[in-house]
């Protein structure tokens, strides 16, 4: 368990204070000679306050994760090279003020130049150790968050695979498929044979892609051809699928079953009838990204939906390519843009 940021800063600042003042504490007996013990202890305690506050201040700066503005300048605190100038400027401001304040309270126990040199060395060491410690903490925190994120994405990926398989073999899907086959055997035996062949291709692809994180778009397109032929076996010309993908894009990769999820989503939420056929377009845009678009004609009685499919597809895209789905809806259309990945 990681301690809170406040506790982390206070504990580390205390440790840095002790570390920087340790040589002075070890030489306390020599320092006291010629000076009162009370004055020497007060001097050390005040220096400890300087070091502690300086350490806390620089910790706060270097553990920030949000950007902030100084006048017209925006500082990105996630960039070390943008935090560094801020640290240097701040040090150049506070260091002379601390020296002047300290000299007002205590007469230097050595000549003034040596006093300033030792004071500066202590403050520089404090700032350097603080920045290094803050950088280490950022690395550890980022590593911890990455591990949590990876664990979450792996779990989401597993849930997605399970959900896809469940959708493909659920009793409702099988019931509709068998009913379609049964009716086709009576009316058109060749159509029934074609339907069974397409159904076989669908299940073969499901089993093949089950263990894969990404698959070639060309294979995904062959699968969706078989899947849409199955849909036409049920809906006839009520569903039209137009697929226009240039050969240059077919070697890119996508998450398995991505097109099935999007086509199924369009069928589930829209009217598909002879008077209002559902038109689904699959194409690539100018940015070489895959687009699945359909005319928007929402059902009056929407089919039950958990929303898991689209959400998990988005999570898989983020995991594999660091890019999200782009979902756009107008009065007449609905589209989802999927990032394509290099193999």
C-alpha atoms as a PDB file:
ATOM      1  CA  UNK A   1       0.000   0.000   0.000  1.00  0.00           C
ATOM      2  CA  UNK A   2       1.408   3.431  -0.998  1.00  0.00           C
ATOM      3  CA  UNK A   3       1.278   6.106   1.756  1.00  0.00           C
ATOM      4  CA  UNK A   4      -0.577   9.336   1.068  1.00  0.00           C
ATOM      5  CA  UNK A   5       1.323  12.037  -0.792  1.00  0.00           C
ATOM      6  CA  UNK A   6       1.273  14.352   2.246  1.00  0.00           C
ATOM      7  CA  UNK A   7       2.774  11.720   4.548  1.00  0.00           C
ATOM      8  CA  UNK A   8       5.325  10.821   1.885  1.00  0.00           C
ATOM      9  CA  UNK A   9       6.449  14.431   1.536  1.00  0.00           C
ATOM     10  CA  UNK A  10       6.634  15.087   5.293  1.00  0.00           C
ATOM     11  CA  UNK A  11       8.507  11.885   6.110  1.00  0.00           C
ATOM     12  CA  UNK A  12      11.015  12.310   3.284  1.00  0.00           C
ATOM     13  CA  UNK A  13      11.528  16.021   4.040  1.00  0.00           C
ATOM     14  CA  UNK A  14      12.274  15.084   7.673  1.00  0.00           C
ATOM     15  CA  UNK A  15      14.797  12.462   6.563  1.00  0.00           C
ATOM     16  CA  UNK A  16      16.492  14.933   4.209  1.00  0.00           C
ATOM     17  CA  UNK A  17      16.667  17.526   7.005  1.00  0.00           C
ATOM     18  CA  UNK A  18      18.417  15.066   9.323  1.00  0.00           C
ATOM     19  CA  UNK A  19      20.744  13.915   6.536  1.00  0.00           C
ATOM     20  CA  UNK A  20      21.827  17.444   5.556  1.00  0.00           C
ATOM     21  CA  UNK A  21      22.322  18.560   9.192  1.00  0.00           C
ATOM     22  CA  UNK A  22      24.045  15.344  10.274  1.00  0.00           C
ATOM     23  CA  UNK A  23      27.631  16.670   9.793  1.00  0.00           C
ATOM     24  CA  UNK A  24      26.744  19.784  11.777  1.00  0.00           C
ATOM     25  CA  UNK A  25      25.216  17.685  14.564  1.00  0.00           C
ATOM     26  CA  UNK A  26      28.303  15.490  14.695  1.00  0.00           C
ATOM     27  CA  UNK A  27      30.470  18.644  15.081  1.00  0.00           C
ATOM     28  CA  UNK A  28      28.126  20.181  17.642  1.00  0.00           C
ATOM     29  CA  UNK A  29      30.744  20.049  20.413  1.00  0.00           C
ATOM     30  CA  UNK A  30      33.297  21.976  18.343  1.00  0.00           C
ATOM     31  CA  UNK A  31      30.713  24.497  17.192  1.00  0.00           C
ATOM     32  CA  UNK A  32      29.690  25.229  20.789  1.00  0.00           C
ATOM     33  CA  UNK A  33      33.220  26.253  21.744  1.00  0.00           C
ATOM     34  CA  UNK A  34      33.222  30.049  22.039  1.00  0.00           C
ATOM     35  CA  UNK A  35      29.429  30.258  21.759  1.00  0.00           C
ATOM     36  CA  UNK A  36      26.557  29.551  24.105  1.00  0.00           C
ATOM     37  CA  UNK A  37      24.901  26.152  23.762  1.00  0.00           C
ATOM     38  CA  UNK A  38      21.435  27.763  23.538  1.00  0.00           C
ATOM     39  CA  UNK A  39      22.504  29.975  20.629  1.00  0.00           C
ATOM     40  CA  UNK A  40      24.100  27.060  18.769  1.00  0.00           C
ATOM     41  CA  UNK A  41      21.071  24.801  19.230  1.00  0.00           C
ATOM     42  CA  UNK A  42      18.728  27.607  18.144  1.00  0.00           C
ATOM     43  CA  UNK A  43      20.912  28.157  15.067  1.00  0.00           C
ATOM     44  CA  UNK A  44      20.749  24.467  14.141  1.00  0.00           C
ATOM     45  CA  UNK A  45      17.002  24.274  14.752  1.00  0.00           C
ATOM     46  CA  UNK A  46      16.386  27.295  12.525  1.00  0.00           C
ATOM     47  CA  UNK A  47      18.533  25.755   9.787  1.00  0.00           C
ATOM     48  CA  UNK A  48      16.474  22.570  10.174  1.00  0.00           C
ATOM     49  CA  UNK A  49      13.305  24.608   9.610  1.00  0.00           C
ATOM     50  CA  UNK A  50      14.835  26.161   6.444  1.00  0.00           C
ATOM     51  CA  UNK A  51      15.835  22.767   5.071  1.00  0.00           C
ATOM     52  CA  UNK A  52      12.527  21.134   5.954  1.00  0.00           C
ATOM     53  CA  UNK A  53      10.403  23.889   4.362  1.00  0.00           C
ATOM     54  CA  UNK A  54      12.634  24.046   1.276  1.00  0.00           C
ATOM     55  CA  UNK A  55      12.438  20.273   0.858  1.00  0.00           C
ATOM     56  CA  UNK A  56       8.644  20.282   1.217  1.00  0.00           C
ATOM     57  CA  UNK A  57       8.324  23.139  -1.287  1.00  0.00           C
ATOM     58  CA  UNK A  58      10.464  21.457  -3.940  1.00  0.00           C
ATOM     59  CA  UNK A  59       8.729  18.135  -3.322  1.00  0.00           C
ATOM     60  CA  UNK A  60       5.369  19.757  -4.014  1.00  0.00           C
ATOM     61  CA  UNK A  61       6.695  21.214  -7.281  1.00  0.00           C
ATOM     62  CA  UNK A  62       8.256  17.971  -8.504  1.00  0.00           C
ATOM     63  CA  UNK A  63       5.397  15.683  -7.522  1.00  0.00           C
ATOM     64  CA  UNK A  64       2.772  17.787  -9.301  1.00  0.00           C
ATOM     65  CA  UNK A  65       0.904  16.115 -12.154  1.00  0.00           C
ATOM     66  CA  UNK A  66      -1.246  19.063 -13.293  1.00  0.00           C
ATOM     67  CA  UNK A  67      -0.098  21.917 -15.483  1.00  0.00           C
ATOM     68  CA  UNK A  68      -0.179  25.478 -14.161  1.00  0.00           C
ATOM     69  CA  UNK A  69       0.258  28.928 -15.643  1.00  0.00           C
ATOM     70  CA  UNK A  70       2.697  31.672 -14.726  1.00  0.00           C
ATOM     71  CA  UNK A  71       1.532  34.727 -16.631  1.00  0.00           C
ATOM     72  CA  UNK A  72       1.408  33.712 -20.285  1.00  0.00           C
ATOM     73  CA  UNK A  73       3.579  30.637 -19.763  1.00  0.00           C
ATOM     74  CA  UNK A  74       2.073  27.184 -19.159  1.00  0.00           C
ATOM     75  CA  UNK A  75       4.247  24.789 -17.171  1.00  0.00           C
ATOM     76  CA  UNK A  76       3.730  21.067 -17.817  1.00  0.00           C
ATOM     77  CA  UNK A  77       4.708  19.497 -14.491  1.00  0.00           C
ATOM     78  CA  UNK A  78       4.990  16.064 -16.101  1.00  0.00           C
ATOM     79  CA  UNK A  79       8.107  17.312 -17.922  1.00  0.00           C
ATOM     80  CA  UNK A  80      11.286  17.415 -15.816  1.00  0.00           C
ATOM     81  CA  UNK A  81      12.857  19.979 -18.164  1.00  0.00           C
ATOM     82  CA  UNK A  82       9.925  22.350 -17.602  1.00  0.00           C
ATOM     83  CA  UNK A  83      10.006  21.855 -13.822  1.00  0.00           C
ATOM     84  CA  UNK A  84      13.766  22.467 -13.657  1.00  0.00           C
ATOM     85  CA  UNK A  85      13.745  26.194 -14.648  1.00  0.00           C
ATOM     86  CA  UNK A  86      10.971  26.818 -12.122  1.00  0.00           C
ATOM     87  CA  UNK A  87      13.108  25.151  -9.444  1.00  0.00           C
ATOM     88  CA  UNK A  88      16.183  27.208 -10.336  1.00  0.00           C
ATOM     89  CA  UNK A  89      14.274  30.504 -10.319  1.00  0.00           C
ATOM     90  CA  UNK A  90      12.606  29.655  -7.010  1.00  0.00           C
ATOM     91  CA  UNK A  91      15.954  28.722  -5.449  1.00  0.00           C
ATOM     92  CA  UNK A  92      17.555  31.973  -6.589  1.00  0.00           C
ATOM     93  CA  UNK A  93      14.683  33.876  -4.951  1.00  0.00           C
ATOM     94  CA  UNK A  94      14.456  32.141  -1.561  1.00  0.00           C
ATOM     95  CA  UNK A  95      18.133  31.423  -0.923  1.00  0.00           C
ATOM     96  CA  UNK A  96      19.285  35.109  -0.508  1.00  0.00           C
ATOM     97  CA  UNK A  97      16.203  35.819   1.617  1.00  0.00           C
ATOM     98  CA  UNK A  98      17.028  32.954   3.975  1.00  0.00           C
ATOM     99  CA  UNK A  99      20.649  34.081   4.331  1.00  0.00           C
ATOM    100  CA  UNK A 100      19.606  37.636   5.123  1.00  0.00           C
ATOM    101  CA  UNK A 101      16.988  36.474   7.624  1.00  0.00           C
ATOM    102  CA  UNK A 102      19.423  34.122   9.333  1.00  0.00           C
ATOM    103  CA  UNK A 103      22.092  36.819   9.636  1.00  0.00           C
ATOM    104  CA  UNK A 104      19.535  39.120  11.271  1.00  0.00           C
ATOM    105  CA  UNK A 105      18.968  36.559  14.042  1.00  0.00           C
ATOM    106  CA  UNK A 106      22.422  35.056  14.495  1.00  0.00           C
ATOM    107  CA  UNK A 107      25.895  36.416  14.143  1.00  0.00           C
ATOM    108  CA  UNK A 108      27.855  34.137  11.784  1.00  0.00           C
ATOM    109  CA  UNK A 109      30.181  31.849  13.719  1.00  0.00           C
ATOM    110  CA  UNK A 110      32.736  32.065  10.877  1.00  0.00           C
ATOM    111  CA  UNK A 111      33.649  34.814   8.412  1.00  0.00           C
ATOM    112  CA  UNK A 112      30.800  35.958   6.182  1.00  0.00           C
ATOM    113  CA  UNK A 113      32.032  34.452   2.918  1.00  0.00           C
ATOM    114  CA  UNK A 114      32.538  31.026   4.500  1.00  0.00           C
ATOM    115  CA  UNK A 115      29.113  31.309   6.173  1.00  0.00           C
ATOM    116  CA  UNK A 116      27.433  32.034   2.837  1.00  0.00           C
ATOM    117  CA  UNK A 117      29.357  29.217   1.148  1.00  0.00           C
ATOM    118  CA  UNK A 118      28.357  26.627   3.772  1.00  0.00           C
ATOM    119  CA  UNK A 119      24.767  27.904   3.827  1.00  0.00           C
ATOM    120  CA  UNK A 120      24.547  27.694   0.028  1.00  0.00           C
ATOM    121  CA  UNK A 121      26.061  24.203  -0.029  1.00  0.00           C
ATOM    122  CA  UNK A 122      23.489  22.967   2.500  1.00  0.00           C
ATOM    123  CA  UNK A 123      20.608  24.449   0.508  1.00  0.00           C
ATOM    124  CA  UNK A 124      21.899  23.152  -2.846  1.00  0.00           C
ATOM    125  CA  UNK A 125      22.336  19.657  -1.400  1.00  0.00           C
ATOM    126  CA  UNK A 126      18.818  19.870   0.041  1.00  0.00           C
ATOM    127  CA  UNK A 127      17.295  20.824  -3.321  1.00  0.00           C
ATOM    128  CA  UNK A 128      19.263  18.208  -5.288  1.00  0.00           C
ATOM    129  CA  UNK A 129      18.374  15.378  -2.902  1.00  0.00           C
ATOM    130  CA  UNK A 130      14.723  16.494  -2.878  1.00  0.00           C
ATOM    131  CA  UNK A 131      14.504  16.585  -6.690  1.00  0.00           C
ATOM    132  CA  UNK A 132      16.162  13.163  -6.982  1.00  0.00           C
ATOM    133  CA  UNK A 133      13.841  11.685  -4.348  1.00  0.00           C
ATOM    134  CA  UNK A 134      10.779  13.237  -6.022  1.00  0.00           C
ATOM    135  CA  UNK A 135      11.893  11.842  -9.394  1.00  0.00           C
ATOM    136  CA  UNK A 136      12.288   8.362  -7.871  1.00  0.00           C
ATOM    137  CA  UNK A 137       8.853   8.620  -6.275  1.00  0.00           C
ATOM    138  CA  UNK A 138       7.313   9.657  -9.615  1.00  0.00           C
ATOM    139  CA  UNK A 139       8.898   6.626 -11.301  1.00  0.00           C
ATOM    140  CA  UNK A 140       7.655   4.296  -8.580  1.00  0.00           C
ATOM    141  CA  UNK A 141       4.178   5.825  -8.678  1.00  0.00           C
ATOM    142  CA  UNK A 142       3.999   5.626 -12.483  1.00  0.00           C
ATOM    143  CA  UNK A 143       5.145   2.005 -12.356  1.00  0.00           C
ATOM    144  CA  UNK A 144       2.520   1.208  -9.732  1.00  0.00           C
ATOM    145  CA  UNK A 145      -0.238   2.930 -11.729  1.00  0.00           C
ATOM    146  CA  UNK A 146       0.894   1.170 -14.912  1.00  0.00           C
ATOM    147  CA  UNK A 147       0.714  -2.194 -13.165  1.00  0.00           C
ATOM    148  CA  UNK A 148      -2.790  -1.397 -11.927  1.00  0.00           C
ATOM    149  CA  UNK A 149      -3.811  -0.218 -15.398  1.00  0.00           C
ATOM    150  CA  UNK A 150      -2.351  -3.331 -17.062  1.00  0.00           C
ATOM    151  CA  UNK A 151      -4.141  -5.575 -14.577  1.00  0.00           C
ATOM    152  CA  UNK A 152      -7.410  -3.741 -15.243  1.00  0.00           C
ATOM    153  CA  UNK A 153      -6.967  -3.910 -19.025  1.00  0.00           C
ATOM    154  CA  UNK A 154      -6.043  -7.592 -18.912  1.00  0.00           C
ATOM    155  CA  UNK A 155      -9.173  -8.260 -16.896  1.00  0.00           C
ATOM    156  CA  UNK A 156     -11.224  -6.197 -19.370  1.00  0.00           C
ATOM    157  CA  UNK A 157      -9.650  -8.076 -22.270  1.00  0.00           C
ATOM    158  CA  UNK A 158     -10.556 -11.393 -20.667  1.00  0.00           C
ATOM    159  CA  UNK A 159     -14.113 -10.178 -20.029  1.00  0.00           C
ATOM    160  CA  UNK A 160     -14.387  -9.043 -23.654  1.00  0.00           C
ATOM    161  CA  UNK A 161     -13.287 -12.428 -24.992  1.00  0.00           C
ATOM    162  CA  UNK A 162     -15.768 -14.127 -22.714  1.00  0.00           C
ATOM    163  CA  UNK A 163     -18.538 -11.734 -23.751  1.00  0.00           C
ATOM    164  CA  UNK A 164     -17.840 -12.259 -27.467  1.00  0.00           C
ATOM    165  CA  UNK A 165     -17.854 -16.025 -27.134  1.00  0.00           C
ATOM    166  CA  UNK A 166     -20.988 -15.902 -24.994  1.00  0.00           C
ATOM    167  CA  UNK A 167     -22.745 -13.741 -27.608  1.00  0.00           C
ATOM    168  CA  UNK A 168     -21.773 -16.141 -30.376  1.00  0.00           C
ATOM    169  CA  UNK A 169     -22.889 -19.341 -28.692  1.00  0.00           C
ATOM    170  CA  UNK A 170     -25.776 -18.101 -26.552  1.00  0.00           C
ATOM    171  CA  UNK A 171     -29.031 -20.050 -26.938  1.00  0.00           C
ATOM    172  CA  UNK A 172     -30.850 -17.115 -28.565  1.00  0.00           C
ATOM    173  CA  UNK A 173     -28.240 -16.895 -31.337  1.00  0.00           C
ATOM    174  CA  UNK A 174     -28.315 -20.654 -31.899  1.00  0.00           C
ATOM    175  CA  UNK A 175     -32.095 -20.713 -31.813  1.00  0.00           C
ATOM    176  CA  UNK A 176     -32.377 -18.023 -34.509  1.00  0.00           C
ATOM    177  CA  UNK A 177     -29.691 -19.681 -36.631  1.00  0.00           C
ATOM    178  CA  UNK A 178     -31.328 -23.111 -36.457  1.00  0.00           C
ATOM    179  CA  UNK A 179     -34.734 -21.619 -37.222  1.00  0.00           C
ATOM    180  CA  UNK A 180     -33.292 -19.869 -40.271  1.00  0.00           C
ATOM    181  CA  UNK A 181     -31.667 -23.094 -41.452  1.00  0.00           C
ATOM    182  CA  UNK A 182     -34.926 -24.982 -40.929  1.00  0.00           C
ATOM    183  CA  UNK A 183     -36.932 -22.506 -43.033  1.00  0.00           C
ATOM    184  CA  UNK A 184     -34.283 -22.373 -45.754  1.00  0.00           C
ATOM    185  CA  UNK A 185     -34.165 -26.159 -46.073  1.00  0.00           C
ATOM    186  CA  UNK A 186     -37.839 -26.081 -46.996  1.00  0.00           C
ATOM    187  CA  UNK A 187     -37.714 -23.093 -49.366  1.00  0.00           C
ATOM    188  CA  UNK A 188     -34.159 -23.031 -50.746  1.00  0.00           C
ATOM    189  CA  UNK A 189     -31.807 -25.924 -50.023  1.00  0.00           C
ATOM    190  CA  UNK A 190     -28.800 -24.261 -51.666  1.00  0.00           C
ATOM    191  CA  UNK A 191     -29.340 -21.160 -49.497  1.00  0.00           C
ATOM    192  CA  UNK A 192     -29.477 -23.429 -46.452  1.00  0.00           C
ATOM    193  CA  UNK A 193     -26.147 -24.999 -47.444  1.00  0.00           C
ATOM    194  CA  UNK A 194     -24.612 -21.546 -47.896  1.00  0.00           C
ATOM    195  CA  UNK A 195     -25.979 -20.459 -44.524  1.00  0.00           C
ATOM    196  CA  UNK A 196     -24.467 -23.480 -42.758  1.00  0.00           C
ATOM    197  CA  UNK A 197     -21.117 -22.852 -44.480  1.00  0.00           C
ATOM    198  CA  UNK A 198     -21.144 -19.223 -43.342  1.00  0.00           C
ATOM    199  CA  UNK A 199     -22.123 -20.274 -39.851  1.00  0.00           C
ATOM    200  CA  UNK A 200     -19.208 -22.729 -39.838  1.00  0.00           C
ATOM    201  CA  UNK A 201     -16.828 -19.960 -40.927  1.00  0.00           C
ATOM    202  CA  UNK A 202     -18.100 -17.707 -38.135  1.00  0.00           C
ATOM    203  CA  UNK A 203     -17.520 -20.282 -35.427  1.00  0.00           C
ATOM    204  CA  UNK A 204     -14.129 -21.274 -36.855  1.00  0.00           C
ATOM    205  CA  UNK A 205     -13.021 -17.635 -36.693  1.00  0.00           C
ATOM    206  CA  UNK A 206     -14.327 -17.260 -33.132  1.00  0.00           C
ATOM    207  CA  UNK A 207     -12.259 -20.230 -32.001  1.00  0.00           C
ATOM    208  CA  UNK A 208      -9.192 -19.089 -33.954  1.00  0.00           C
ATOM    209  CA  UNK A 209      -9.206 -15.507 -32.686  1.00  0.00           C
ATOM    210  CA  UNK A 210     -10.030 -16.391 -29.086  1.00  0.00           C
ATOM    211  CA  UNK A 211      -6.371 -16.359 -27.972  1.00  0.00           C
ATOM    212  CA  UNK A 212      -5.243 -13.394 -30.122  1.00  0.00           C
ATOM    213  CA  UNK A 213      -4.972  -9.758 -29.027  1.00  0.00           C
ATOM    214  CA  UNK A 214      -4.959  -8.433 -32.595  1.00  0.00           C
ATOM    215  CA  UNK A 215      -5.619  -9.859 -36.041  1.00  0.00           C
ATOM    216  CA  UNK A 216      -5.085  -8.737 -39.625  1.00  0.00           C
ATOM    217  CA  UNK A 217      -7.894  -6.573 -40.976  1.00  0.00           C
ATOM    218  CA  UNK A 218      -8.054  -8.777 -44.063  1.00  0.00           C
ATOM    219  CA  UNK A 219      -9.010 -11.782 -41.922  1.00  0.00           C
ATOM    220  CA  UNK A 220     -11.498  -9.711 -39.952  1.00  0.00           C
ATOM    221  CA  UNK A 221     -13.123  -8.621 -43.230  1.00  0.00           C
ATOM    222  CA  UNK A 222     -13.434 -12.225 -44.451  1.00  0.00           C
ATOM    223  CA  UNK A 223     -15.078 -13.098 -41.156  1.00  0.00           C
ATOM    224  CA  UNK A 224     -17.520 -10.193 -41.304  1.00  0.00           C
ATOM    225  CA  UNK A 225     -18.476 -11.237 -44.853  1.00  0.00           C
ATOM    226  CA  UNK A 226     -19.543 -14.636 -43.525  1.00  0.00           C
ATOM    227  CA  UNK A 227     -21.276 -13.015 -40.573  1.00  0.00           C
ATOM    228  CA  UNK A 228     -23.252 -10.549 -42.728  1.00  0.00           C
ATOM    229  CA  UNK A 229     -24.277 -13.405 -45.045  1.00  0.00           C
ATOM    230  CA  UNK A 230     -25.761 -15.057 -41.977  1.00  0.00           C
ATOM    231  CA  UNK A 231     -27.587 -11.831 -41.145  1.00  0.00           C
ATOM    232  CA  UNK A 232     -28.974 -11.674 -44.681  1.00  0.00           C
ATOM    233  CA  UNK A 233     -30.202 -15.237 -44.224  1.00  0.00           C
ATOM    234  CA  UNK A 234     -32.373 -13.877 -41.408  1.00  0.00           C
ATOM    235  CA  UNK A 235     -33.140 -10.349 -42.645  1.00  0.00           C
ATOM    236  CA  UNK A 236     -32.809 -10.659 -46.440  1.00  0.00           C
ATOM    237  CA  UNK A 237     -32.422  -7.304 -48.186  1.00  0.00           C
ATOM    238  CA  UNK A 238     -33.441  -5.450 -45.039  1.00  0.00           C
ATOM    239  CA  UNK A 239     -29.716  -5.160 -44.235  1.00  0.00           C
ATOM    240  CA  UNK A 240     -27.184  -3.904 -46.764  1.00  0.00           C
ATOM    241  CA  UNK A 241     -23.464  -3.988 -45.996  1.00  0.00           C
ATOM    242  CA  UNK A 242     -21.045  -2.081 -48.215  1.00  0.00           C
ATOM    243  CA  UNK A 243     -17.368  -2.781 -47.529  1.00  0.00           C
ATOM    244  CA  UNK A 244     -14.741  -0.639 -49.287  1.00  0.00           C
ATOM    245  CA  UNK A 245     -11.227  -1.200 -47.923  1.00  0.00           C
ATOM    246  CA  UNK A 246      -8.124  -0.563 -50.074  1.00  0.00           C
ATOM    247  CA  UNK A 247      -5.549  -3.352 -50.261  1.00  0.00           C
ATOM    248  CA  UNK A 248      -2.918  -1.124 -48.635  1.00  0.00           C
ATOM    249  CA  UNK A 249      -4.948  -1.065 -45.397  1.00  0.00           C
ATOM    250  CA  UNK A 250      -5.808  -4.748 -45.227  1.00  0.00           C
ATOM    251  CA  UNK A 251      -2.525  -5.714 -43.555  1.00  0.00           C
ATOM    252  CA  UNK A 252      -3.165  -3.424 -40.607  1.00  0.00           C
ATOM    253  CA  UNK A 253      -4.453  -5.065 -37.450  1.00  0.00           C
ATOM    254  CA  UNK A 254      -7.571  -4.656 -35.326  1.00  0.00           C
ATOM    255  CA  UNK A 255      -8.873  -6.297 -32.155  1.00  0.00           C
ATOM    256  CA  UNK A 256     -10.575  -9.599 -33.047  1.00  0.00           C
ATOM    257  CA  UNK A 257     -14.355  -9.423 -33.422  1.00  0.00           C
ATOM    258  CA  UNK A 258     -14.268  -5.599 -33.612  1.00  0.00           C
ATOM    259  CA  UNK A 259     -16.393  -5.484 -36.768  1.00  0.00           C
ATOM    260  CA  UNK A 260     -18.820  -8.090 -35.428  1.00  0.00           C
ATOM    261  CA  UNK A 261     -19.421  -5.989 -32.316  1.00  0.00           C
ATOM    262  CA  UNK A 262     -20.069  -2.841 -34.381  1.00  0.00           C
ATOM    263  CA  UNK A 263     -22.283  -4.518 -36.989  1.00  0.00           C
ATOM    264  CA  UNK A 264     -24.253  -6.309 -34.287  1.00  0.00           C
ATOM    265  CA  UNK A 265     -24.597  -3.016 -32.432  1.00  0.00           C
ATOM    266  CA  UNK A 266     -26.072  -1.375 -35.549  1.00  0.00           C
ATOM    267  CA  UNK A 267     -28.535  -4.244 -36.086  1.00  0.00           C
ATOM    268  CA  UNK A 268     -29.543  -4.354 -32.411  1.00  0.00           C
ATOM    269  CA  UNK A 269     -30.394  -0.660 -32.099  1.00  0.00           C
ATOM    270  CA  UNK A 270     -31.862   0.205 -35.503  1.00  0.00           C
ATOM    271  CA  UNK A 271     -34.915  -0.648 -37.582  1.00  0.00           C
ATOM    272  CA  UNK A 272     -34.242  -2.998 -40.497  1.00  0.00           C
ATOM    273  CA  UNK A 273     -37.269  -3.422 -42.753  1.00  0.00           C
ATOM    274  CA  UNK A 274     -38.159  -3.503 -46.433  1.00  0.00           C
ATOM    275  CA  UNK A 275     -39.350   0.102 -46.238  1.00  0.00           C
ATOM    276  CA  UNK A 276     -36.417   1.182 -44.102  1.00  0.00           C
ATOM    277  CA  UNK A 277     -33.416  -0.976 -44.933  1.00  0.00           C
ATOM    278  CA  UNK A 278     -30.408  -0.695 -42.631  1.00  0.00           C
ATOM    279  CA  UNK A 279     -27.354   0.400 -44.609  1.00  0.00           C
ATOM    280  CA  UNK A 280     -23.978  -0.332 -43.031  1.00  0.00           C
ATOM    281  CA  UNK A 281     -20.778   1.029 -44.573  1.00  0.00           C
ATOM    282  CA  UNK A 282     -17.296  -0.234 -43.677  1.00  0.00           C
ATOM    283  CA  UNK A 283     -14.469   1.902 -45.036  1.00  0.00           C
ATOM    284  CA  UNK A 284     -11.219   3.678 -44.183  1.00  0.00           C
ATOM    285  CA  UNK A 285     -11.015   7.453 -43.838  1.00  0.00           C
ATOM    286  CA  UNK A 286      -8.251   9.854 -44.896  1.00  0.00           C
ATOM    287  CA  UNK A 287      -6.356   9.115 -41.663  1.00  0.00           C
ATOM    288  CA  UNK A 288      -6.208   5.396 -42.488  1.00  0.00           C
ATOM    289  CA  UNK A 289      -8.631   4.530 -39.689  1.00  0.00           C
ATOM    290  CA  UNK A 290     -11.435   2.001 -39.959  1.00  0.00           C
ATOM    291  CA  UNK A 291     -14.981   3.416 -39.946  1.00  0.00           C
ATOM    292  CA  UNK A 292     -18.234   1.509 -39.464  1.00  0.00           C
ATOM    293  CA  UNK A 293     -21.193   3.764 -40.272  1.00  0.00           C
ATOM    294  CA  UNK A 294     -24.919   3.131 -40.477  1.00  0.00           C
ATOM    295  CA  UNK A 295     -28.001   5.209 -41.203  1.00  0.00           C
ATOM    296  CA  UNK A 296     -29.692   6.124 -37.923  1.00  0.00           C
ATOM    297  CA  UNK A 297     -33.235   4.815 -37.532  1.00  0.00           C
ATOM    298  CA  UNK A 298     -33.625   3.919 -33.883  1.00  0.00           C
ATOM    299  CA  UNK A 299     -36.019   1.223 -32.782  1.00  0.00           C
ATOM    300  CA  UNK A 300     -39.121   2.259 -30.867  1.00  0.00           C
ATOM    301  CA  UNK A 301     -38.544  -0.724 -28.595  1.00  0.00           C
ATOM    302  CA  UNK A 302     -34.741  -0.906 -28.234  1.00  0.00           C
ATOM    303  CA  UNK A 303     -33.278  -4.353 -27.683  1.00  0.00           C
ATOM    304  CA  UNK A 304     -31.861  -5.022 -24.211  1.00  0.00           C
ATOM    305  CA  UNK A 305     -28.209  -4.007 -24.065  1.00  0.00           C
ATOM    306  CA  UNK A 306     -25.529  -4.039 -21.351  1.00  0.00           C
ATOM    307  CA  UNK A 307     -23.256  -1.616 -23.220  1.00  0.00           C
ATOM    308  CA  UNK A 308     -20.324  -3.905 -22.451  1.00  0.00           C
ATOM    309  CA  UNK A 309     -19.357  -4.653 -26.058  1.00  0.00           C
ATOM    310  CA  UNK A 310     -18.596  -1.102 -27.195  1.00  0.00           C
ATOM    311  CA  UNK A 311     -16.962  -0.163 -23.900  1.00  0.00           C
ATOM    312  CA  UNK A 312     -14.691  -3.194 -23.881  1.00  0.00           C
ATOM    313  CA  UNK A 313     -13.765  -2.720 -27.541  1.00  0.00           C
ATOM    314  CA  UNK A 314     -12.703   0.812 -26.647  1.00  0.00           C
ATOM    315  CA  UNK A 315     -10.615  -0.530 -23.738  1.00  0.00           C
ATOM    316  CA  UNK A 316      -8.905  -3.066 -26.003  1.00  0.00           C
ATOM    317  CA  UNK A 317      -8.083  -0.350 -28.545  1.00  0.00           C
ATOM    318  CA  UNK A 318      -6.567   1.800 -25.781  1.00  0.00           C
ATOM    319  CA  UNK A 319      -4.558  -1.181 -24.546  1.00  0.00           C
ATOM    320  CA  UNK A 320      -3.227  -2.145 -27.973  1.00  0.00           C
ATOM    321  CA  UNK A 321      -2.713   1.245 -29.637  1.00  0.00           C
ATOM    322  CA  UNK A 322      -3.124   3.969 -26.970  1.00  0.00           C
ATOM    323  CA  UNK A 323      -5.976   5.327 -29.108  1.00  0.00           C
ATOM    324  CA  UNK A 324      -9.686   5.326 -28.368  1.00  0.00           C
ATOM    325  CA  UNK A 325     -12.719   4.744 -30.511  1.00  0.00           C
ATOM    326  CA  UNK A 326     -14.211   7.862 -32.077  1.00  0.00           C
ATOM    327  CA  UNK A 327     -18.000   7.732 -31.779  1.00  0.00           C
ATOM    328  CA  UNK A 328     -20.034  10.245 -33.791  1.00  0.00           C
ATOM    329  CA  UNK A 329     -23.783  10.628 -34.158  1.00  0.00           C
ATOM    330  CA  UNK A 330     -25.772  12.984 -36.350  1.00  0.00           C
ATOM    331  CA  UNK A 331     -29.498  13.191 -37.008  1.00  0.00           C
ATOM    332  CA  UNK A 332     -29.150  10.723 -39.881  1.00  0.00           C
ATOM    333  CA  UNK A 333     -26.117   8.545 -39.107  1.00  0.00           C
ATOM    334  CA  UNK A 334     -24.086   6.812 -36.431  1.00  0.00           C
ATOM    335  CA  UNK A 335     -20.415   5.937 -36.880  1.00  0.00           C
ATOM    336  CA  UNK A 336     -17.582   4.381 -34.894  1.00  0.00           C
ATOM    337  CA  UNK A 337     -13.961   4.913 -35.960  1.00  0.00           C
ATOM    338  CA  UNK A 338     -11.495   2.197 -34.948  1.00  0.00           C
ATOM    339  CA  UNK A 339      -7.727   2.846 -34.872  1.00  0.00           C
ATOM    340  CA  UNK A 340      -5.733   0.531 -37.109  1.00  0.00           C
ATOM    341  CA  UNK A 341      -2.437  -0.881 -35.855  1.00  0.00           C
ATOM    342  CA  UNK A 342       0.766  -1.894 -37.601  1.00  0.00           C
ATOM    343  CA  UNK A 343       1.562  -5.585 -37.427  1.00  0.00           C
END
